[in-house]
Amino acid sequence: MELNGARLVKTELSFDDKRCRALLLELPNACVLFLSEGELALGTLAIGMPITGPQVGERIPSSACVLGQRYSTLARALAERLALMSGKVALVSLRAEGPEAEVAARAMALLKEVMEGGEREP
């Protein structure tokens, strides 16, 4: 779905018994991504910035955790990845349960799926 230059993409994946959802709001200058197990809800919130480095075309990621502490390192890594992929400021909300390695695998799969287009809202 597009509205005044904003694009909305959602996707849903199942991993074993867990249903995971992603919702991406892409604005002209920023991306906001919600990653959630079960119903969409606000989780640990991180911001990523695509800072340009001294080399031509080089981008150096920068991030910070804004809210929450569960999986804060993972949320920051996802925000950095989204910022680098989009070239825009990225806000990422991550709400999940379980071992961090499993959560990371599910979150990365959701990020990949939503960035490839997922299911666009009509």
PDB file of N, CA and C in Angstrom:
ATOM      1  N   MET A   1       0.846  -1.173   0.000  1.00  0.00           N
ATOM      2  CA  MET A   1       0.000   0.000   0.000  1.00  0.00           C
ATOM      3  C   MET A   1       0.891   1.237   0.000  1.00  0.00           C
ATOM      4  N   GLU A   2       0.571   2.202  -0.821  1.00  0.00           N
ATOM      5  CA  GLU A   2       1.309   3.463  -0.837  1.00  0.00           C
ATOM      6  C   GLU A   2       0.357   4.599  -0.520  1.00  0.00           C
ATOM      7  N   LEU A   3       0.826   5.538   0.281  1.00  0.00           N
ATOM      8  CA  LEU A   3       0.023   6.685   0.670  1.00  0.00           C
ATOM      9  C   LEU A   3       0.936   7.879   0.868  1.00  0.00           C
ATOM     10  N   ASN A   4       0.814   8.864   0.024  1.00  0.00           N
ATOM     11  CA  ASN A   4       1.620  10.084   0.130  1.00  0.00           C
ATOM     12  C   ASN A   4       3.113   9.798   0.243  1.00  0.00           C
ATOM     13  N   GLY A   5       3.609   8.887  -0.546  1.00  0.00           N
ATOM     14  CA  GLY A   5       5.034   8.578  -0.542  1.00  0.00           C
ATOM     15  C   GLY A   5       5.463   7.553   0.483  1.00  0.00           C
ATOM     16  N   ALA A   6       4.533   7.068   1.309  1.00  0.00           N
ATOM     17  CA  ALA A   6       4.845   6.036   2.304  1.00  0.00           C
ATOM     18  C   ALA A   6       4.406   4.681   1.758  1.00  0.00           C
ATOM     19  N   ARG A   7       5.198   3.661   2.034  1.00  0.00           N
ATOM     20  CA  ARG A   7       4.895   2.301   1.570  1.00  0.00           C
ATOM     21  C   ARG A   7       4.753   1.395   2.786  1.00  0.00           C
ATOM     22  N   LEU A   8       3.735   0.551   2.766  1.00  0.00           N
ATOM     23  CA  LEU A   8       3.479  -0.372   3.863  1.00  0.00           C
ATOM     24  C   LEU A   8       3.601  -1.802   3.345  1.00  0.00           C
ATOM     25  N   VAL A   9       4.453  -2.599   4.000  1.00  0.00           N
ATOM     26  CA  VAL A   9       4.657  -3.998   3.612  1.00  0.00           C
ATOM     27  C   VAL A   9       4.521  -4.852   4.865  1.00  0.00           C
ATOM     28  N   LYS A  10       3.788  -5.958   4.738  1.00  0.00           N
ATOM     29  CA  LYS A  10       3.682  -6.869   5.885  1.00  0.00           C
ATOM     30  C   LYS A  10       3.972  -8.285   5.422  1.00  0.00           C
ATOM     31  N   THR A  11       4.430  -9.083   6.361  1.00  0.00           N
ATOM     32  CA  THR A  11       4.678 -10.492   6.066  1.00  0.00           C
ATOM     33  C   THR A  11       4.466 -11.302   7.335  1.00  0.00           C
ATOM     34  N   GLU A  12       4.258 -12.582   7.140  1.00  0.00           N
ATOM     35  CA  GLU A  12       4.033 -13.488   8.261  1.00  0.00           C
ATOM     36  C   GLU A  12       4.706 -14.815   7.926  1.00  0.00           C
ATOM     37  N   LEU A  13       5.479 -15.334   8.860  1.00  0.00           N
ATOM     38  CA  LEU A  13       6.149 -16.622   8.679  1.00  0.00           C
ATOM     39  C   LEU A  13       5.889 -17.493   9.899  1.00  0.00           C
ATOM     40  N   SER A  14       5.894 -18.801   9.706  1.00  0.00           N
ATOM     41  CA  SER A  14       5.747 -19.739  10.819  1.00  0.00           C
ATOM     42  C   SER A  14       7.046 -20.504  10.999  1.00  0.00           C
ATOM     43  N   PHE A  15       7.475 -20.605  12.242  1.00  0.00           N
ATOM     44  CA  PHE A  15       8.669 -21.361  12.613  1.00  0.00           C
ATOM     45  C   PHE A  15       8.254 -22.330  13.703  1.00  0.00           C
ATOM     46  N   ASP A  16       8.231 -23.622  13.390  1.00  0.00           N
ATOM     47  CA  ASP A  16       7.752 -24.642  14.321  1.00  0.00           C
ATOM     48  C   ASP A  16       6.361 -24.242  14.806  1.00  0.00           C
ATOM     49  N   ASP A  17       6.221 -23.933  16.085  1.00  0.00           N
ATOM     50  CA  ASP A  17       4.908 -23.564  16.617  1.00  0.00           C
ATOM     51  C   ASP A  17       4.753 -22.054  16.779  1.00  0.00           C
ATOM     52  N   LYS A  18       5.707 -21.277  16.287  1.00  0.00           N
ATOM     53  CA  LYS A  18       5.666 -19.819  16.459  1.00  0.00           C
ATOM     54  C   LYS A  18       5.264 -19.126  15.162  1.00  0.00           C
ATOM     55  N   ARG A  19       4.264 -18.259  15.274  1.00  0.00           N
ATOM     56  CA  ARG A  19       3.828 -17.446  14.147  1.00  0.00           C
ATOM     57  C   ARG A  19       4.437 -16.059  14.339  1.00  0.00           C
ATOM     58  N   CYS A  20       5.236 -15.635  13.371  1.00  0.00           N
ATOM     59  CA  CYS A  20       5.961 -14.371  13.484  1.00  0.00           C
ATOM     60  C   CYS A  20       5.484 -13.404  12.408  1.00  0.00           C
ATOM     61  N   ARG A  21       5.380 -12.128  12.789  1.00  0.00           N
ATOM     62  CA  ARG A  21       4.871 -11.110  11.874  1.00  0.00           C
ATOM     63  C   ARG A  21       5.858  -9.958  11.758  1.00  0.00           C
ATOM     64  N   ALA A  22       5.858  -9.356  10.580  1.00  0.00           N
ATOM     65  CA  ALA A  22       6.670  -8.159  10.341  1.00  0.00           C
ATOM     66  C   ALA A  22       5.811  -7.137   9.623  1.00  0.00           C
ATOM     67  N   LEU A  23       5.972  -5.893  10.016  1.00  0.00           N
ATOM     68  CA  LEU A  23       5.279  -4.783   9.372  1.00  0.00           C
ATOM     69  C   LEU A  23       6.304  -3.684   9.139  1.00  0.00           C
ATOM     70  N   LEU A  24       6.476  -3.299   7.881  1.00  0.00           N
ATOM     71  CA  LEU A  24       7.449  -2.273   7.506  1.00  0.00           C
ATOM     72  C   LEU A  24       6.713  -1.060   6.979  1.00  0.00           C
ATOM     73  N   LEU A  25       6.991   0.085   7.559  1.00  0.00           N
ATOM     74  CA  LEU A  25       6.501   1.365   7.058  1.00  0.00           C
ATOM     75  C   LEU A  25       7.711   2.088   6.500  1.00  0.00           C
ATOM     76  N   GLU A  26       7.737   2.256   5.188  1.00  0.00           N
ATOM     77  CA  GLU A  26       8.874   2.915   4.542  1.00  0.00           C
ATOM     78  C   GLU A  26       8.466   4.319   4.117  1.00  0.00           C
ATOM     79  N   LEU A  27       9.124   5.296   4.691  1.00  0.00           N
ATOM     80  CA  LEU A  27       8.901   6.704   4.384  1.00  0.00           C
ATOM     81  C   LEU A  27      10.024   7.182   3.467  1.00  0.00           C
ATOM     82  N   PRO A  28       9.893   8.362   2.871  1.00  0.00           N
ATOM     83  CA  PRO A  28      10.962   8.842   1.995  1.00  0.00           C
ATOM     84  C   PRO A  28      12.327   8.956   2.682  1.00  0.00           C
ATOM     85  N   ASN A  29      12.343   9.211   4.003  1.00  0.00           N
ATOM     86  CA  ASN A  29      13.616   9.406   4.692  1.00  0.00           C
ATOM     87  C   ASN A  29      13.870   8.428   5.840  1.00  0.00           C
ATOM     88  N   ALA A  30      12.973   7.467   6.056  1.00  0.00           N
ATOM     89  CA  ALA A  30      13.135   6.552   7.191  1.00  0.00           C
ATOM     90  C   ALA A  30      12.320   5.284   6.986  1.00  0.00           C
ATOM     91  N   CYS A  31      12.693   4.249   7.749  1.00  0.00           N
ATOM     92  CA  CYS A  31      11.944   2.989   7.774  1.00  0.00           C
ATOM     93  C   CYS A  31      11.615   2.662   9.226  1.00  0.00           C
ATOM     94  N   VAL A  32      10.396   2.186   9.455  1.00  0.00           N
ATOM     95  CA  VAL A  32       9.989   1.726  10.775  1.00  0.00           C
ATOM     96  C   VAL A  32       9.555   0.272  10.608  1.00  0.00           C
ATOM     97  N   LEU A  33      10.197  -0.627  11.353  1.00  0.00           N
ATOM     98  CA  LEU A  33       9.930  -2.056  11.218  1.00  0.00           C
ATOM     99  C   LEU A  33       9.515  -2.641  12.565  1.00  0.00           C
ATOM    100  N   PHE A  34       8.372  -3.322  12.569  1.00  0.00           N
ATOM    101  CA  PHE A  34       7.901  -4.041  13.745  1.00  0.00           C
ATOM    102  C   PHE A  34       8.080  -5.527  13.482  1.00  0.00           C
ATOM    103  N   LEU A  35       8.800  -6.217  14.354  1.00  0.00           N
ATOM    104  CA  LEU A  35       8.973  -7.670  14.294  1.00  0.00           C
ATOM    105  C   LEU A  35       8.382  -8.237  15.579  1.00  0.00           C
ATOM    106  N   SER A  36       7.439  -9.160  15.443  1.00  0.00           N
ATOM    107  CA  SER A  36       6.731  -9.644  16.616  1.00  0.00           C
ATOM    108  C   SER A  36       6.367 -11.110  16.478  1.00  0.00           C
ATOM    109  N   GLU A  37       6.422 -11.825  17.586  1.00  0.00           N
ATOM    110  CA  GLU A  37       5.883 -13.176  17.646  1.00  0.00           C
ATOM    111  C   GLU A  37       4.449 -13.041  18.134  1.00  0.00           C
ATOM    112  N   GLY A  38       3.530 -13.730  17.483  1.00  0.00           N
ATOM    113  CA  GLY A  38       2.121 -13.572  17.839  1.00  0.00           C
ATOM    114  C   GLY A  38       1.602 -12.269  17.262  1.00  0.00           C
ATOM    115  N   GLU A  39       0.785 -11.572  18.032  1.00  0.00           N
ATOM    116  CA  GLU A  39       0.220 -10.304  17.568  1.00  0.00           C
ATOM    117  C   GLU A  39       1.284  -9.216  17.534  1.00  0.00           C
ATOM    118  N   LEU A  40       1.147  -8.287  16.600  1.00  0.00           N
ATOM    119  CA  LEU A  40       2.085  -7.165  16.528  1.00  0.00           C
ATOM    120  C   LEU A  40       1.974  -6.325  17.791  1.00  0.00           C
ATOM    121  N   ALA A  41       3.094  -5.993  18.368  1.00  0.00           N
ATOM    122  CA  ALA A  41       3.144  -5.173  19.571  1.00  0.00           C
ATOM    123  C   ALA A  41       4.522  -4.531  19.653  1.00  0.00           C
ATOM    124  N   LEU A  42       4.615  -3.457  20.397  1.00  0.00           N
ATOM    125  CA  LEU A  42       5.892  -2.775  20.567  1.00  0.00           C
ATOM    126  C   LEU A  42       6.808  -3.616  21.449  1.00  0.00           C
ATOM    127  N   GLY A  43       8.049  -3.734  21.039  1.00  0.00           N
ATOM    128  CA  GLY A  43       9.048  -4.465  21.809  1.00  0.00           C
ATOM    129  C   GLY A  43      10.258  -3.583  22.037  1.00  0.00           C
ATOM    130  N   THR A  44      11.411  -4.187  22.204  1.00  0.00           N
ATOM    131  CA  THR A  44      12.652  -3.437  22.353  1.00  0.00           C
ATOM    132  C   THR A  44      12.850  -2.606  21.094  1.00  0.00           C
ATOM    133  N   LEU A  45      13.087  -1.323  21.271  1.00  0.00           N
ATOM    134  CA  LEU A  45      13.154  -0.387  20.151  1.00  0.00           C
ATOM    135  C   LEU A  45      14.582   0.112  19.968  1.00  0.00           C
ATOM    136  N   ALA A  46      15.085  -0.022  18.742  1.00  0.00           N
ATOM    137  CA  ALA A  46      16.442   0.438  18.418  1.00  0.00           C
ATOM    138  C   ALA A  46      16.386   1.339  17.191  1.00  0.00           C
ATOM    139  N   ILE A  47      17.348   2.245  17.114  1.00  0.00           N
ATOM    140  CA  ILE A  47      17.465   3.133  15.964  1.00  0.00           C
ATOM    141  C   ILE A  47      18.812   2.887  15.295  1.00  0.00           C
ATOM    142  N   GLY A  48      18.807   2.865  13.986  1.00  0.00           N
ATOM    143  CA  GLY A  48      20.033   2.687  13.208  1.00  0.00           C
ATOM    144  C   GLY A  48      20.187   3.836  12.233  1.00  0.00           C
ATOM    145  N   MET A  49      21.412   4.285  12.052  1.00  0.00           N
ATOM    146  CA  MET A  49      21.706   5.401  11.150  1.00  0.00           C
ATOM    147  C   MET A  49      22.703   4.947  10.093  1.00  0.00           C
ATOM    148  N   PRO A  50      22.431   5.230   8.820  1.00  0.00           N
ATOM    149  CA  PRO A  50      23.384   4.885   7.758  1.00  0.00           C
ATOM    150  C   PRO A  50      24.393   6.012   7.572  1.00  0.00           C
ATOM    151  N   ILE A  51      25.441   6.014   8.353  1.00  0.00           N
ATOM    152  CA  ILE A  51      26.432   7.090   8.300  1.00  0.00           C
ATOM    153  C   ILE A  51      27.418   6.814   7.175  1.00  0.00           C
ATOM    154  N   THR A  52      27.635   7.797   6.337  1.00  0.00           N
ATOM    155  CA  THR A  52      28.560   7.658   5.214  1.00  0.00           C
ATOM    156  C   THR A  52      29.992   7.785   5.711  1.00  0.00           C
ATOM    157  N   GLY A  53      30.848   6.854   5.281  1.00  0.00           N
ATOM    158  CA  GLY A  53      32.252   6.850   5.683  1.00  0.00           C
ATOM    159  C   GLY A  53      33.116   7.655   4.738  1.00  0.00           C
ATOM    160  N   PRO A  54      34.427   7.693   4.995  1.00  0.00           N
ATOM    161  CA  PRO A  54      35.346   8.492   4.180  1.00  0.00           C
ATOM    162  C   PRO A  54      35.549   7.949   2.763  1.00  0.00           C
ATOM    163  N   GLN A  55      35.368   6.650   2.564  1.00  0.00           N
ATOM    164  CA  GLN A  55      35.515   6.061   1.233  1.00  0.00           C
ATOM    165  C   GLN A  55      34.232   6.294   0.435  1.00  0.00           C
ATOM    166  N   VAL A  56      34.359   6.437  -0.865  1.00  0.00           N
ATOM    167  CA  VAL A  56      33.194   6.626  -1.721  1.00  0.00           C
ATOM    168  C   VAL A  56      32.291   5.398  -1.621  1.00  0.00           C
ATOM    169  N   GLY A  57      31.033   5.617  -1.301  1.00  0.00           N
ATOM    170  CA  GLY A  57      30.076   4.522  -1.188  1.00  0.00           C
ATOM    171  C   GLY A  57      30.151   3.732   0.106  1.00  0.00           C
ATOM    172  N   GLU A  58      31.091   4.062   0.983  1.00  0.00           N
ATOM    173  CA  GLU A  58      31.237   3.332   2.244  1.00  0.00           C
ATOM    174  C   GLU A  58      30.183   3.809   3.241  1.00  0.00           C
ATOM    175  N   ARG A  59      29.563   2.853   3.908  1.00  0.00           N
ATOM    176  CA  ARG A  59      28.592   3.192   4.944  1.00  0.00           C
ATOM    177  C   ARG A  59      29.003   2.505   6.236  1.00  0.00           C
ATOM    178  N   ILE A  60      29.016   3.265   7.299  1.00  0.00           N
ATOM    179  CA  ILE A  60      29.391   2.748   8.607  1.00  0.00           C
ATOM    180  C   ILE A  60      28.141   2.767   9.479  1.00  0.00           C
ATOM    181  N   PRO A  61      27.695   1.614   9.972  1.00  0.00           N
ATOM    182  CA  PRO A  61      26.471   1.597  10.764  1.00  0.00           C
ATOM    183  C   PRO A  61      26.670   2.186  12.154  1.00  0.00           C
ATOM    184  N   SER A  62      25.630   2.799  12.646  1.00  0.00           N
ATOM    185  CA  SER A  62      25.611   3.345  13.990  1.00  0.00           C
ATOM    186  C   SER A  62      24.218   3.075  14.551  1.00  0.00           C
ATOM    187  N   SER A  63      24.140   2.667  15.815  1.00  0.00           N
ATOM    188  CA  SER A  63      22.830   2.350  16.377  1.00  0.00           C
ATOM    189  C   SER A  63      22.806   2.596  17.879  1.00  0.00           C
ATOM    190  N   ALA A  64      21.586   2.631  18.413  1.00  0.00           N
ATOM    191  CA  ALA A  64      21.390   2.775  19.851  1.00  0.00           C
ATOM    192  C   ALA A  64      20.062   2.134  20.216  1.00  0.00           C
ATOM    193  N   CYS A  65      20.005   1.594  21.419  1.00  0.00           N
ATOM    194  CA  CYS A  65      18.758   1.051  21.935  1.00  0.00           C
ATOM    195  C   CYS A  65      17.996   2.209  22.577  1.00  0.00           C
ATOM    196  N   VAL A  66      16.757   2.394  22.181  1.00  0.00           N
ATOM    197  CA  VAL A  66      15.960   3.532  22.634  1.00  0.00           C
ATOM    198  C   VAL A  66      15.037   3.146  23.781  1.00  0.00           C
ATOM    199  N   LEU A  67      14.500   1.924  23.732  1.00  0.00           N
ATOM    200  CA  LEU A  67      13.512   1.502  24.715  1.00  0.00           C
ATOM    201  C   LEU A  67      13.624  -0.001  24.924  1.00  0.00           C
ATOM    202  N   GLY A  68      13.627  -0.429  26.172  1.00  0.00           N
ATOM    203  CA  GLY A  68      13.665  -1.859  26.467  1.00  0.00           C
ATOM    204  C   GLY A  68      15.080  -2.391  26.547  1.00  0.00           C
ATOM    205  N   GLN A  69      15.187  -3.653  26.987  1.00  0.00           N
ATOM    206  CA  GLN A  69      16.512  -4.245  27.112  1.00  0.00           C
ATOM    207  C   GLN A  69      16.578  -5.684  26.631  1.00  0.00           C
ATOM    208  N   ARG A  70      15.435  -6.336  26.458  1.00  0.00           N
ATOM    209  CA  ARG A  70      15.449  -7.722  25.985  1.00  0.00           C
ATOM    210  C   ARG A  70      15.926  -7.762  24.538  1.00  0.00           C
ATOM    211  N   TYR A  71      16.931  -8.548  24.273  1.00  0.00           N
ATOM    212  CA  TYR A  71      17.519  -8.679  22.931  1.00  0.00           C
ATOM    213  C   TYR A  71      17.969  -7.325  22.367  1.00  0.00           C
ATOM    214  N   SER A  72      18.481  -6.444  23.213  1.00  0.00           N
ATOM    215  CA  SER A  72      18.861  -5.099  22.757  1.00  0.00           C
ATOM    216  C   SER A  72      19.988  -5.137  21.725  1.00  0.00           C
ATOM    217  N   THR A  73      20.943  -6.035  21.884  1.00  0.00           N
ATOM    218  CA  THR A  73      22.029  -6.138  20.902  1.00  0.00           C
ATOM    219  C   THR A  73      21.484  -6.600  19.557  1.00  0.00           C
ATOM    220  N   LEU A  74      20.576  -7.552  19.575  1.00  0.00           N
ATOM    221  CA  LEU A  74      19.960  -8.041  18.348  1.00  0.00           C
ATOM    222  C   LEU A  74      19.114  -6.946  17.694  1.00  0.00           C
ATOM    223  N   ALA A  75      18.348  -6.219  18.483  1.00  0.00           N
ATOM    224  CA  ALA A  75      17.531  -5.124  17.936  1.00  0.00           C
ATOM    225  C   ALA A  75      18.421  -4.073  17.275  1.00  0.00           C
ATOM    226  N   ARG A  76      19.550  -3.765  17.906  1.00  0.00           N
ATOM    227  CA  ARG A  76      20.488  -2.804  17.313  1.00  0.00           C
ATOM    228  C   ARG A  76      21.065  -3.340  16.006  1.00  0.00           C
ATOM    229  N   ALA A  77      21.438  -4.613  15.986  1.00  0.00           N
ATOM    230  CA  ALA A  77      21.993  -5.209  14.765  1.00  0.00           C
ATOM    231  C   ALA A  77      20.970  -5.176  13.631  1.00  0.00           C
ATOM    232  N   LEU A  78      19.712  -5.448  13.952  1.00  0.00           N
ATOM    233  CA  LEU A  78      18.653  -5.394  12.940  1.00  0.00           C
ATOM    234  C   LEU A  78      18.446  -3.966  12.438  1.00  0.00           C
ATOM    235  N   ALA A  79      18.503  -2.994  13.341  1.00  0.00           N
ATOM    236  CA  ALA A  79      18.356  -1.588  12.942  1.00  0.00           C
ATOM    237  C   ALA A  79      19.515  -1.160  12.046  1.00  0.00           C
ATOM    238  N   GLU A  80      20.724  -1.588  12.386  1.00  0.00           N
ATOM    239  CA  GLU A  80      21.886  -1.274  11.541  1.00  0.00           C
ATOM    240  C   GLU A  80      21.739  -1.908  10.166  1.00  0.00           C
ATOM    241  N   ARG A  81      21.313  -3.167  10.124  1.00  0.00           N
ATOM    242  CA  ARG A  81      21.147  -3.881   8.854  1.00  0.00           C
ATOM    243  C   ARG A  81      20.092  -3.186   7.991  1.00  0.00           C
ATOM    244  N   LEU A  82      18.964  -2.825   8.600  1.00  0.00           N
ATOM    245  CA  LEU A  82      17.900  -2.151   7.850  1.00  0.00           C
ATOM    246  C   LEU A  82      18.368  -0.789   7.351  1.00  0.00           C
ATOM    247  N   ALA A  83      19.112  -0.058   8.175  1.00  0.00           N
ATOM    248  CA  ALA A  83      19.633   1.254   7.765  1.00  0.00           C
ATOM    249  C   ALA A  83      20.582   1.110   6.578  1.00  0.00           C
ATOM    250  N   LEU A  84      21.436   0.097   6.620  1.00  0.00           N
ATOM    251  CA  LEU A  84      22.373  -0.122   5.512  1.00  0.00           C
ATOM    252  C   LEU A  84      21.654  -0.582   4.243  1.00  0.00           C
ATOM    253  N   MET A  85      20.645  -1.440   4.400  1.00  0.00           N
ATOM    254  CA  MET A  85      19.902  -1.941   3.243  1.00  0.00           C
ATOM    255  C   MET A  85      19.083  -0.841   2.574  1.00  0.00           C
ATOM    256  N   SER A  86      18.508   0.035   3.387  1.00  0.00           N
ATOM    257  CA  SER A  86      17.606   1.059   2.856  1.00  0.00           C
ATOM    258  C   SER A  86      18.299   2.388   2.579  1.00  0.00           C
ATOM    259  N   GLY A  87      19.436   2.626   3.250  1.00  0.00           N
ATOM    260  CA  GLY A  87      20.103   3.920   3.136  1.00  0.00           C
ATOM    261  C   GLY A  87      19.355   5.018   3.876  1.00  0.00           C
ATOM    262  N   LYS A  88      18.495   4.620   4.815  1.00  0.00           N
ATOM    263  CA  LYS A  88      17.659   5.566   5.559  1.00  0.00           C
ATOM    264  C   LYS A  88      17.792   5.317   7.060  1.00  0.00           C
ATOM    265  N   VAL A  89      17.322   6.278   7.848  1.00  0.00           N
ATOM    266  CA  VAL A  89      17.219   6.075   9.288  1.00  0.00           C
ATOM    267  C   VAL A  89      16.259   4.905   9.503  1.00  0.00           C
ATOM    268  N   ALA A  90      16.586   4.017  10.437  1.00  0.00           N
ATOM    269  CA  ALA A  90      15.756   2.835  10.673  1.00  0.00           C
ATOM    270  C   ALA A  90      15.399   2.709  12.149  1.00  0.00           C
ATOM    271  N   LEU A  91      14.121   2.533  12.422  1.00  0.00           N
ATOM    272  CA  LEU A  91      13.634   2.207  13.757  1.00  0.00           C
ATOM    273  C   LEU A  91      13.149   0.765  13.700  1.00  0.00           C
ATOM    274  N   VAL A  92      13.611  -0.063  14.631  1.00  0.00           N
ATOM    275  CA  VAL A  92      13.211  -1.471  14.658  1.00  0.00           C
ATOM    276  C   VAL A  92      12.687  -1.812  16.045  1.00  0.00           C
ATOM    277  N   SER A  93      11.488  -2.393  16.074  1.00  0.00           N
ATOM    278  CA  SER A  93      10.896  -2.899  17.302  1.00  0.00           C
ATOM    279  C   SER A  93      10.929  -4.419  17.238  1.00  0.00           C
ATOM    280  N   LEU A  94      11.483  -5.054  18.260  1.00  0.00           N
ATOM    281  CA  LEU A  94      11.602  -6.516  18.304  1.00  0.00           C
ATOM    282  C   LEU A  94      10.921  -7.048  19.555  1.00  0.00           C
ATOM    283  N   ARG A  95       9.887  -7.867  19.360  1.00  0.00           N
ATOM    284  CA  ARG A  95       9.179  -8.491  20.482  1.00  0.00           C
ATOM    285  C   ARG A  95       9.157  -9.992  20.249  1.00  0.00           C
ATOM    286  N   ALA A  96       9.883 -10.727  21.083  1.00  0.00           N
ATOM    287  CA  ALA A  96      10.016 -12.170  20.884  1.00  0.00           C
ATOM    288  C   ALA A  96      10.342 -12.851  22.206  1.00  0.00           C
ATOM    289  N   GLU A  97      10.300 -14.177  22.181  1.00  0.00           N
ATOM    290  CA  GLU A  97      10.635 -14.988  23.348  1.00  0.00           C
ATOM    291  C   GLU A  97      11.513 -16.147  22.903  1.00  0.00           C
ATOM    292  N   GLY A  98      12.363 -16.612  23.803  1.00  0.00           N
ATOM    293  CA  GLY A  98      13.177 -17.784  23.515  1.00  0.00           C
ATOM    294  C   GLY A  98      14.655 -17.468  23.507  1.00  0.00           C
ATOM    295  N   PRO A  99      15.481 -18.482  23.215  1.00  0.00           N
ATOM    296  CA  PRO A  99      16.927 -18.286  23.159  1.00  0.00           C
ATOM    297  C   PRO A  99      17.290 -17.273  22.068  1.00  0.00           C
ATOM    298  N   GLU A 100      18.265 -16.431  22.361  1.00  0.00           N
ATOM    299  CA  GLU A 100      18.616 -15.343  21.446  1.00  0.00           C
ATOM    300  C   GLU A 100      19.014 -15.837  20.055  1.00  0.00           C
ATOM    301  N   ALA A 101      19.707 -16.962  19.967  1.00  0.00           N
ATOM    302  CA  ALA A 101      20.120 -17.480  18.656  1.00  0.00           C
ATOM    303  C   ALA A 101      18.903 -17.836  17.802  1.00  0.00           C
ATOM    304  N   GLU A 102      17.885 -18.428  18.421  1.00  0.00           N
ATOM    305  CA  GLU A 102      16.666 -18.775  17.684  1.00  0.00           C
ATOM    306  C   GLU A 102      15.890 -17.529  17.288  1.00  0.00           C
ATOM    307  N   VAL A 103      15.794 -16.579  18.206  1.00  0.00           N
ATOM    308  CA  VAL A 103      15.108 -15.313  17.917  1.00  0.00           C
ATOM    309  C   VAL A 103      15.817 -14.598  16.773  1.00  0.00           C
ATOM    310  N   ALA A 104      17.146 -14.601  16.789  1.00  0.00           N
ATOM    311  CA  ALA A 104      17.923 -13.939  15.734  1.00  0.00           C
ATOM    312  C   ALA A 104      17.639 -14.563  14.372  1.00  0.00           C
ATOM    313  N   ALA A 105      17.587 -15.879  14.305  1.00  0.00           N
ATOM    314  CA  ALA A 105      17.320 -16.561  13.031  1.00  0.00           C
ATOM    315  C   ALA A 105      15.938 -16.199  12.503  1.00  0.00           C
ATOM    316  N   ARG A 106      14.944 -16.195  13.390  1.00  0.00           N
ATOM    317  CA  ARG A 106      13.583 -15.843  12.966  1.00  0.00           C
ATOM    318  C   ARG A 106      13.508 -14.382  12.536  1.00  0.00           C
ATOM    319  N   ALA A 107      14.139 -13.498  13.297  1.00  0.00           N
ATOM    320  CA  ALA A 107      14.099 -12.066  12.989  1.00  0.00           C
ATOM    321  C   ALA A 107      14.786 -11.762  11.662  1.00  0.00           C
ATOM    322  N   MET A 108      15.923 -12.397  11.405  1.00  0.00           N
ATOM    323  CA  MET A 108      16.628 -12.164  10.136  1.00  0.00           C
ATOM    324  C   MET A 108      15.811 -12.677   8.952  1.00  0.00           C
ATOM    325  N   ALA A 109      15.131 -13.812   9.128  1.00  0.00           N
ATOM    326  CA  ALA A 109      14.277 -14.339   8.057  1.00  0.00           C
ATOM    327  C   ALA A 109      13.120 -13.385   7.774  1.00  0.00           C
ATOM    328  N   LEU A 110      12.539 -12.821   8.827  1.00  0.00           N
ATOM    329  CA  LEU A 110      11.456 -11.849   8.651  1.00  0.00           C
ATOM    330  C   LEU A 110      11.952 -10.590   7.962  1.00  0.00           C
ATOM    331  N   LEU A 111      13.118 -10.102   8.370  1.00  0.00           N
ATOM    332  CA  LEU A 111      13.689  -8.902   7.747  1.00  0.00           C
ATOM    333  C   LEU A 111      13.920  -9.144   6.262  1.00  0.00           C
ATOM    334  N   LYS A 112      14.500 -10.274   5.935  1.00  0.00           N
ATOM    335  CA  LYS A 112      14.759 -10.595   4.527  1.00  0.00           C
ATOM    336  C   LYS A 112      13.452 -10.644   3.735  1.00  0.00           C
ATOM    337  N   GLU A 113      12.466 -11.316   4.282  1.00  0.00           N
ATOM    338  CA  GLU A 113      11.171 -11.465   3.602  1.00  0.00           C
ATOM    339  C   GLU A 113      10.487 -10.111   3.383  1.00  0.00           C
ATOM    340  N   VAL A 114      10.473  -9.282   4.408  1.00  0.00           N
ATOM    341  CA  VAL A 114       9.781  -7.989   4.286  1.00  0.00           C
ATOM    342  C   VAL A 114      10.532  -7.056   3.334  1.00  0.00           C
ATOM    343  N   MET A 115      11.859  -7.143   3.298  1.00  0.00           N
ATOM    344  CA  MET A 115      12.626  -6.293   2.381  1.00  0.00           C
ATOM    345  C   MET A 115      12.491  -6.764   0.934  1.00  0.00           C
ATOM    346  N   GLU A 116      12.170  -8.029   0.743  1.00  0.00           N
ATOM    347  CA  GLU A 116      11.946  -8.542  -0.613  1.00  0.00           C
ATOM    348  C   GLU A 116      10.537  -8.228  -1.104  1.00  0.00           C
ATOM    349  N   GLY A 117       9.766  -7.578  -0.274  1.00  0.00           N
ATOM    350  CA  GLY A 117       8.437  -7.155  -0.711  1.00  0.00           C
ATOM    351  C   GLY A 117       7.306  -7.695   0.108  1.00  0.00           C
ATOM    352  N   GLY A 118       7.488  -8.871   0.708  1.00  0.00           N
ATOM    353  CA  GLY A 118       6.432  -9.444   1.538  1.00  0.00           C
ATOM    354  C   GLY A 118       5.090  -9.383   0.838  1.00  0.00           C
ATOM    355  N   GLU A 119       4.070  -9.090   1.596  1.00  0.00           N
ATOM    356  CA  GLU A 119       2.711  -8.945   1.080  1.00  0.00           C
ATOM    357  C   GLU A 119       2.355  -7.472   1.165  1.00  0.00           C
ATOM    358  N   ARG A 120       2.230  -6.836   0.032  1.00  0.00           N
ATOM    359  CA  ARG A 120       1.918  -5.405   0.023  1.00  0.00           C
ATOM    360  C   ARG A 120       0.442  -5.203   0.316  1.00  0.00           C
ATOM    361  N   GLU A 121       0.178  -4.205   1.132  1.00  0.00           N
ATOM    362  CA  GLU A 121      -1.203  -3.863   1.453  1.00  0.00           C
ATOM    363  C   GLU A 121      -1.881  -3.256   0.230  1.00  0.00           C
ATOM    364  N   PRO A 122      -3.128  -3.661  -0.063  1.00  0.00           N
ATOM    365  CA  PRO A 122      -3.830  -3.080  -1.219  1.00  0.00           C
ATOM    366  C   PRO A 122      -4.232  -1.641  -0.965  1.00  0.00           C
TER     367      PRO A 122
END
